[in-house]
Amino acid sequence: MPNPSMLFSQYPHQLSGGIHQRVLIAMALAGKPDLLIADEPTTALDVTVQAQVLDLINSLVEKLNLSVIMISHDIGAIATVAKLCAVMYKGEIVEQGLTQDILKRPQHQYTKRLLAAIPDINLTPKGLWL
């Protein structure tokens, strides 16, 4: 943050989404918890700010020996942060394990379909001329 002291004189609507997320994380950590539950921490943030928030979460895990439960539909964010992963379908965990294993070798049909739905930059959509 370029000037943290200026935050005290601003209203919430004057702050960016990234600053909002950082403030919420700071508030959550004020009580020195052992566990942080981050529900969609990167939603509605641009890619650069998403990376900053994920880097912040990773550094908190290392520096504070903090455990994090991250809830997200963003598979890229999960792959960046999580060592362990659980995939839910219709409110039930259908697959869990090391994130890298689940991403490389999904076992459940829903997980396979979920990973297949990720856009591939190397594929050209039908009907488009490039």
N, C-alpha and C. Protein backbone atom coordinates (compact mmCIF):
# COMPACT_ATOMS: atom_id res chain seq x y z
N MET A 1 0.84 -1.17 0.00
CA MET A 1 0.00 0.00 0.00
C MET A 1 0.89 1.24 0.00
N PRO A 2 0.64 2.14 -0.93
CA PRO A 2 1.50 3.32 -1.02
C PRO A 2 1.46 4.20 0.22
N ASN A 3 0.28 4.46 0.77
CA ASN A 3 0.16 5.36 1.92
C ASN A 3 -0.93 4.83 2.86
N PRO A 4 -0.61 3.88 3.74
CA PRO A 4 -1.63 3.27 4.59
C PRO A 4 -2.36 4.26 5.49
N SER A 5 -1.69 5.33 5.93
CA SER A 5 -2.35 6.28 6.83
C SER A 5 -3.49 7.02 6.16
N MET A 6 -3.48 7.12 4.83
CA MET A 6 -4.57 7.83 4.15
C MET A 6 -5.87 7.02 4.19
N LEU A 7 -5.78 5.71 4.43
CA LEU A 7 -6.98 4.88 4.49
C LEU A 7 -7.92 5.31 5.61
N PHE A 8 -7.36 5.81 6.70
CA PHE A 8 -8.17 6.19 7.85
C PHE A 8 -9.13 7.33 7.56
N SER A 9 -8.80 8.17 6.60
CA SER A 9 -9.65 9.32 6.30
C SER A 9 -10.59 9.06 5.12
N GLN A 10 -10.57 7.86 4.56
CA GLN A 10 -11.41 7.57 3.41
C GLN A 10 -12.61 6.71 3.80
N TYR A 11 -13.67 6.88 3.03
CA TYR A 11 -14.86 6.06 3.19
C TYR A 11 -14.67 4.76 2.40
N PRO A 12 -15.36 3.70 2.80
CA PRO A 12 -15.20 2.42 2.09
C PRO A 12 -15.42 2.50 0.58
N HIS A 13 -16.39 3.31 0.14
CA HIS A 13 -16.67 3.39 -1.30
C HIS A 13 -15.53 4.07 -2.08
N GLN A 14 -14.61 4.70 -1.36
CA GLN A 14 -13.48 5.36 -2.01
C GLN A 14 -12.27 4.43 -2.19
N LEU A 15 -12.37 3.22 -1.68
CA LEU A 15 -11.25 2.28 -1.75
C LEU A 15 -11.44 1.30 -2.90
N SER A 16 -10.35 0.84 -3.45
CA SER A 16 -10.40 -0.14 -4.54
C SER A 16 -10.77 -1.52 -3.99
N GLY A 17 -11.14 -2.42 -4.89
CA GLY A 17 -11.49 -3.78 -4.49
C GLY A 17 -10.32 -4.49 -3.84
N GLY A 18 -9.12 -4.26 -4.36
CA GLY A 18 -7.94 -4.89 -3.78
C GLY A 18 -7.66 -4.42 -2.36
N ILE A 19 -7.84 -3.12 -2.13
CA ILE A 19 -7.66 -2.58 -0.78
C ILE A 19 -8.72 -3.15 0.15
N HIS A 20 -9.97 -3.26 -0.34
CA HIS A 20 -11.04 -3.86 0.47
C HIS A 20 -10.64 -5.26 0.92
N GLN A 21 -10.14 -6.07 -0.01
CA GLN A 21 -9.76 -7.44 0.34
C GLN A 21 -8.64 -7.45 1.38
N ARG A 22 -7.66 -6.58 1.21
CA ARG A 22 -6.55 -6.53 2.16
C ARG A 22 -7.03 -6.10 3.55
N VAL A 23 -7.93 -5.12 3.58
CA VAL A 23 -8.47 -4.66 4.86
C VAL A 23 -9.26 -5.79 5.53
N LEU A 24 -10.06 -6.51 4.76
CA LEU A 24 -10.83 -7.62 5.33
C LEU A 24 -9.91 -8.72 5.85
N ILE A 25 -8.84 -9.00 5.13
CA ILE A 25 -7.88 -10.00 5.60
C ILE A 25 -7.22 -9.52 6.90
N ALA A 26 -6.85 -8.24 6.95
CA ALA A 26 -6.24 -7.68 8.16
C ALA A 26 -7.21 -7.76 9.34
N MET A 27 -8.49 -7.45 9.09
CA MET A 27 -9.49 -7.54 10.16
C MET A 27 -9.62 -8.98 10.65
N ALA A 28 -9.63 -9.92 9.72
CA ALA A 28 -9.76 -11.33 10.09
C ALA A 28 -8.55 -11.80 10.91
N LEU A 29 -7.38 -11.22 10.65
CA LEU A 29 -6.17 -11.64 11.35
C LEU A 29 -5.94 -10.91 12.67
N ALA A 30 -6.75 -9.88 12.94
CA ALA A 30 -6.56 -9.07 14.15
C ALA A 30 -6.63 -9.92 15.42
N GLY A 31 -7.47 -10.94 15.42
CA GLY A 31 -7.60 -11.79 16.60
C GLY A 31 -6.60 -12.93 16.65
N LYS A 32 -5.62 -12.91 15.75
CA LYS A 32 -4.56 -13.93 15.67
C LYS A 32 -5.13 -15.35 15.59
N PRO A 33 -5.95 -15.61 14.60
CA PRO A 33 -6.54 -16.96 14.48
C PRO A 33 -5.51 -17.97 13.95
N ASP A 34 -5.80 -19.22 14.18
CA ASP A 34 -4.98 -20.29 13.60
C ASP A 34 -5.49 -20.66 12.21
N LEU A 35 -6.74 -20.29 11.93
CA LEU A 35 -7.39 -20.65 10.68
C LEU A 35 -8.06 -19.43 10.06
N LEU A 36 -7.83 -19.21 8.77
CA LEU A 36 -8.48 -18.14 8.01
C LEU A 36 -9.37 -18.80 6.97
N ILE A 37 -10.65 -18.44 6.96
CA ILE A 37 -11.55 -18.93 5.93
C ILE A 37 -11.72 -17.81 4.91
N ALA A 38 -11.24 -18.06 3.70
CA ALA A 38 -11.28 -17.06 2.62
C ALA A 38 -12.31 -17.51 1.58
N ASP A 39 -13.47 -16.89 1.60
CA ASP A 39 -14.55 -17.25 0.68
C ASP A 39 -14.48 -16.34 -0.53
N GLU A 40 -14.07 -16.88 -1.66
CA GLU A 40 -13.93 -16.14 -2.92
C GLU A 40 -13.10 -14.87 -2.73
N PRO A 41 -11.86 -14.98 -2.25
CA PRO A 41 -11.07 -13.78 -1.96
C PRO A 41 -10.64 -12.99 -3.19
N THR A 42 -10.76 -13.56 -4.38
CA THR A 42 -10.30 -12.85 -5.58
C THR A 42 -11.44 -12.46 -6.52
N THR A 43 -12.67 -12.68 -6.10
CA THR A 43 -13.81 -12.35 -6.95
C THR A 43 -13.87 -10.85 -7.21
N ALA A 44 -14.16 -10.48 -8.44
CA ALA A 44 -14.35 -9.09 -8.87
C ALA A 44 -13.07 -8.26 -8.81
N LEU A 45 -11.92 -8.92 -8.78
CA LEU A 45 -10.65 -8.21 -8.80
C LEU A 45 -9.98 -8.44 -10.15
N ASP A 46 -9.24 -7.43 -10.63
CA ASP A 46 -8.53 -7.65 -11.89
C ASP A 46 -7.37 -8.62 -11.65
N VAL A 47 -6.80 -9.14 -12.72
CA VAL A 47 -5.81 -10.21 -12.64
C VAL A 47 -4.60 -9.81 -11.80
N THR A 48 -4.13 -8.59 -11.95
CA THR A 48 -2.96 -8.13 -11.19
C THR A 48 -3.25 -8.11 -9.70
N VAL A 49 -4.41 -7.59 -9.33
CA VAL A 49 -4.78 -7.51 -7.91
C VAL A 49 -5.06 -8.91 -7.36
N GLN A 50 -5.65 -9.78 -8.18
CA GLN A 50 -5.85 -11.17 -7.76
C GLN A 50 -4.52 -11.80 -7.37
N ALA A 51 -3.52 -11.61 -8.21
CA ALA A 51 -2.19 -12.17 -7.93
C ALA A 51 -1.62 -11.61 -6.62
N GLN A 52 -1.83 -10.32 -6.37
CA GLN A 52 -1.34 -9.70 -5.14
C GLN A 52 -2.03 -10.29 -3.91
N VAL A 53 -3.34 -10.49 -4.00
CA VAL A 53 -4.09 -11.06 -2.87
C VAL A 53 -3.64 -12.51 -2.63
N LEU A 54 -3.46 -13.28 -3.70
CA LEU A 54 -3.00 -14.67 -3.54
C LEU A 54 -1.58 -14.71 -2.96
N ASP A 55 -0.73 -13.79 -3.40
CA ASP A 55 0.63 -13.71 -2.83
C ASP A 55 0.57 -13.37 -1.34
N LEU A 56 -0.35 -12.46 -0.97
CA LEU A 56 -0.52 -12.09 0.43
C LEU A 56 -0.95 -13.31 1.25
N ILE A 57 -1.92 -14.06 0.74
CA ILE A 57 -2.38 -15.26 1.46
C ILE A 57 -1.23 -16.25 1.61
N ASN A 58 -0.49 -16.48 0.54
CA ASN A 58 0.66 -17.40 0.61
C ASN A 58 1.69 -16.95 1.63
N SER A 59 1.98 -15.65 1.67
CA SER A 59 2.98 -15.16 2.62
C SER A 59 2.49 -15.26 4.06
N LEU A 60 1.18 -15.07 4.27
CA LEU A 60 0.62 -15.21 5.62
C LEU A 60 0.71 -16.65 6.10
N VAL A 61 0.47 -17.58 5.20
CA VAL A 61 0.57 -19.00 5.55
C VAL A 61 1.99 -19.31 6.03
N GLU A 62 2.98 -18.80 5.32
CA GLU A 62 4.38 -19.07 5.67
C GLU A 62 4.82 -18.32 6.93
N LYS A 63 4.53 -17.02 6.99
CA LYS A 63 5.04 -16.20 8.09
C LYS A 63 4.33 -16.47 9.41
N LEU A 64 3.01 -16.70 9.36
CA LEU A 64 2.23 -16.84 10.58
C LEU A 64 1.89 -18.29 10.90
N ASN A 65 2.37 -19.22 10.07
CA ASN A 65 2.01 -20.63 10.23
C ASN A 65 0.49 -20.76 10.28
N LEU A 66 -0.16 -20.08 9.37
CA LEU A 66 -1.61 -19.98 9.32
C LEU A 66 -2.19 -21.04 8.40
N SER A 67 -3.28 -21.64 8.81
CA SER A 67 -4.02 -22.55 7.94
C SER A 67 -5.11 -21.76 7.25
N VAL A 68 -5.35 -22.06 5.98
CA VAL A 68 -6.36 -21.34 5.21
C VAL A 68 -7.30 -22.34 4.54
N ILE A 69 -8.59 -22.09 4.68
CA ILE A 69 -9.58 -22.78 3.88
C ILE A 69 -10.04 -21.77 2.85
N MET A 70 -9.74 -22.04 1.60
CA MET A 70 -10.11 -21.12 0.52
C MET A 70 -11.24 -21.73 -0.29
N ILE A 71 -12.33 -21.01 -0.36
CA ILE A 71 -13.50 -21.43 -1.12
C ILE A 71 -13.51 -20.62 -2.40
N SER A 72 -13.48 -21.31 -3.54
CA SER A 72 -13.41 -20.58 -4.80
C SER A 72 -13.86 -21.45 -5.96
N HIS A 73 -14.40 -20.79 -6.97
CA HIS A 73 -14.70 -21.46 -8.23
C HIS A 73 -13.54 -21.27 -9.21
N ASP A 74 -12.54 -20.49 -8.82
CA ASP A 74 -11.40 -20.17 -9.66
C ASP A 74 -10.31 -21.23 -9.49
N ILE A 75 -10.26 -22.16 -10.42
CA ILE A 75 -9.32 -23.27 -10.32
C ILE A 75 -7.88 -22.78 -10.36
N GLY A 76 -7.61 -21.72 -11.11
CA GLY A 76 -6.27 -21.15 -11.15
C GLY A 76 -5.83 -20.63 -9.79
N ALA A 77 -6.74 -19.97 -9.08
CA ALA A 77 -6.42 -19.47 -7.74
C ALA A 77 -6.17 -20.63 -6.78
N ILE A 78 -6.98 -21.66 -6.87
CA ILE A 78 -6.79 -22.83 -6.02
C ILE A 78 -5.43 -23.47 -6.30
N ALA A 79 -5.09 -23.60 -7.57
CA ALA A 79 -3.81 -24.20 -7.95
C ALA A 79 -2.63 -23.37 -7.43
N THR A 80 -2.81 -22.05 -7.33
CA THR A 80 -1.75 -21.16 -6.86
C THR A 80 -1.54 -21.26 -5.36
N VAL A 81 -2.61 -21.43 -4.60
CA VAL A 81 -2.55 -21.34 -3.15
C VAL A 81 -2.58 -22.69 -2.43
N ALA A 82 -3.39 -23.60 -2.91
CA ALA A 82 -3.72 -24.79 -2.12
C ALA A 82 -2.79 -25.97 -2.35
N LYS A 83 -2.33 -26.56 -1.27
CA LYS A 83 -1.60 -27.83 -1.35
C LYS A 83 -2.59 -28.99 -1.41
N LEU A 84 -3.67 -28.85 -0.66
CA LEU A 84 -4.74 -29.84 -0.64
C LEU A 84 -6.00 -29.23 -1.21
N CYS A 85 -6.81 -30.06 -1.82
CA CYS A 85 -8.01 -29.55 -2.49
C CYS A 85 -9.15 -30.54 -2.29
N ALA A 86 -10.35 -30.01 -2.19
CA ALA A 86 -11.56 -30.83 -2.17
C ALA A 86 -12.50 -30.27 -3.22
N VAL A 87 -13.08 -31.14 -4.02
CA VAL A 87 -14.03 -30.74 -5.05
C VAL A 87 -15.42 -31.10 -4.56
N MET A 88 -16.32 -30.11 -4.60
CA MET A 88 -17.69 -30.35 -4.16
C MET A 88 -18.64 -30.36 -5.34
N TYR A 89 -19.62 -31.22 -5.25
CA TYR A 89 -20.67 -31.31 -6.26
C TYR A 89 -21.98 -31.55 -5.52
N LYS A 90 -22.93 -30.66 -5.75
CA LYS A 90 -24.24 -30.75 -5.10
C LYS A 90 -24.11 -30.83 -3.57
N GLY A 91 -23.20 -30.04 -3.02
CA GLY A 91 -23.05 -29.95 -1.57
C GLY A 91 -22.27 -31.07 -0.92
N GLU A 92 -21.71 -31.97 -1.70
CA GLU A 92 -20.93 -33.07 -1.13
C GLU A 92 -19.52 -33.08 -1.72
N ILE A 93 -18.56 -33.46 -0.91
CA ILE A 93 -17.19 -33.61 -1.40
C ILE A 93 -17.12 -34.90 -2.20
N VAL A 94 -16.75 -34.76 -3.48
CA VAL A 94 -16.68 -35.92 -4.36
C VAL A 94 -15.24 -36.37 -4.62
N GLU A 95 -14.30 -35.48 -4.31
CA GLU A 95 -12.89 -35.84 -4.53
C GLU A 95 -12.03 -34.93 -3.67
N GLN A 96 -11.00 -35.49 -3.08
CA GLN A 96 -10.07 -34.68 -2.29
C GLN A 96 -8.69 -35.30 -2.31
N GLY A 97 -7.70 -34.44 -2.13
CA GLY A 97 -6.32 -34.91 -2.13
C GLY A 97 -5.37 -33.78 -2.42
N LEU A 98 -4.15 -34.12 -2.81
CA LEU A 98 -3.18 -33.10 -3.20
C LEU A 98 -3.69 -32.38 -4.44
N THR A 99 -3.62 -31.07 -4.43
CA THR A 99 -4.14 -30.28 -5.55
C THR A 99 -3.51 -30.70 -6.87
N GLN A 100 -2.20 -30.86 -6.88
CA GLN A 100 -1.53 -31.23 -8.13
C GLN A 100 -2.01 -32.59 -8.64
N ASP A 101 -2.30 -33.52 -7.74
CA ASP A 101 -2.79 -34.83 -8.17
C ASP A 101 -4.20 -34.74 -8.76
N ILE A 102 -5.05 -33.95 -8.11
CA ILE A 102 -6.42 -33.80 -8.61
C ILE A 102 -6.42 -33.11 -9.97
N LEU A 103 -5.57 -32.10 -10.14
CA LEU A 103 -5.53 -31.39 -11.41
C LEU A 103 -4.94 -32.25 -12.53
N LYS A 104 -3.99 -33.10 -12.20
CA LYS A 104 -3.36 -33.94 -13.23
C LYS A 104 -4.12 -35.23 -13.50
N ARG A 105 -4.70 -35.81 -12.44
CA ARG A 105 -5.37 -37.10 -12.58
C ARG A 105 -6.70 -37.10 -11.84
N PRO A 106 -7.68 -36.34 -12.32
CA PRO A 106 -8.98 -36.33 -11.64
C PRO A 106 -9.63 -37.71 -11.71
N GLN A 107 -10.29 -38.10 -10.62
CA GLN A 107 -10.93 -39.41 -10.56
C GLN A 107 -12.44 -39.34 -10.77
N HIS A 108 -13.06 -38.31 -10.22
CA HIS A 108 -14.52 -38.21 -10.28
C HIS A 108 -14.94 -37.56 -11.60
N GLN A 109 -16.05 -38.01 -12.12
CA GLN A 109 -16.55 -37.51 -13.40
C GLN A 109 -16.80 -36.00 -13.36
N TYR A 110 -17.32 -35.49 -12.25
CA TYR A 110 -17.58 -34.05 -12.15
C TYR A 110 -16.27 -33.27 -12.22
N THR A 111 -15.24 -33.74 -11.52
CA THR A 111 -13.94 -33.07 -11.55
C THR A 111 -13.37 -33.06 -12.97
N LYS A 112 -13.52 -34.17 -13.66
CA LYS A 112 -13.05 -34.25 -15.05
C LYS A 112 -13.77 -33.22 -15.92
N ARG A 113 -15.08 -33.11 -15.75
CA ARG A 113 -15.85 -32.14 -16.55
C ARG A 113 -15.49 -30.71 -16.17
N LEU A 114 -15.28 -30.48 -14.89
CA LEU A 114 -14.90 -29.15 -14.41
C LEU A 114 -13.57 -28.71 -15.03
N LEU A 115 -12.60 -29.59 -15.03
CA LEU A 115 -11.29 -29.27 -15.61
C LEU A 115 -11.36 -29.15 -17.13
N ALA A 116 -12.22 -29.94 -17.75
CA ALA A 116 -12.38 -29.86 -19.21
C ALA A 116 -13.03 -28.54 -19.64
N ALA A 117 -13.73 -27.89 -18.72
CA ALA A 117 -14.41 -26.62 -19.03
C ALA A 117 -13.47 -25.42 -19.00
N ILE A 118 -12.24 -25.61 -18.55
CA ILE A 118 -11.28 -24.50 -18.52
C ILE A 118 -10.90 -24.17 -19.96
N PRO A 119 -11.02 -22.91 -20.36
CA PRO A 119 -10.65 -22.54 -21.73
C PRO A 119 -9.19 -22.84 -22.03
N ASP A 120 -8.94 -23.31 -23.23
CA ASP A 120 -7.57 -23.59 -23.69
C ASP A 120 -7.18 -22.53 -24.70
N ILE A 121 -6.17 -21.76 -24.38
CA ILE A 121 -5.75 -20.65 -25.24
C ILE A 121 -5.24 -21.15 -26.60
N ASN A 122 -4.86 -22.41 -26.68
CA ASN A 122 -4.32 -22.95 -27.93
C ASN A 122 -5.40 -23.41 -28.90
N LEU A 123 -6.65 -23.49 -28.44
CA LEU A 123 -7.73 -23.93 -29.30
C LEU A 123 -8.42 -22.74 -29.95
N THR A 124 -8.80 -22.89 -31.20
CA THR A 124 -9.54 -21.85 -31.91
C THR A 124 -11.02 -22.22 -31.89
N PRO A 125 -11.87 -21.34 -31.34
CA PRO A 125 -13.30 -21.64 -31.32
C PRO A 125 -13.85 -21.80 -32.74
N LYS A 126 -14.76 -22.74 -32.91
CA LYS A 126 -15.37 -22.96 -34.23
C LYS A 126 -16.14 -21.71 -34.64
N GLY A 127 -16.02 -21.36 -35.90
CA GLY A 127 -16.76 -20.22 -36.42
C GLY A 127 -16.01 -18.90 -36.35
N LEU A 128 -14.85 -18.88 -35.72
CA LEU A 128 -14.07 -17.64 -35.65
C LEU A 128 -12.93 -17.69 -36.65
N TRP A 129 -12.68 -16.57 -37.28
CA TRP A 129 -11.56 -16.48 -38.21
C TRP A 129 -10.43 -15.75 -37.52
N LEU A 130 -9.30 -16.38 -37.49
CA LEU A 130 -8.13 -15.74 -36.87
C LEU A 130 -7.03 -15.58 -37.88
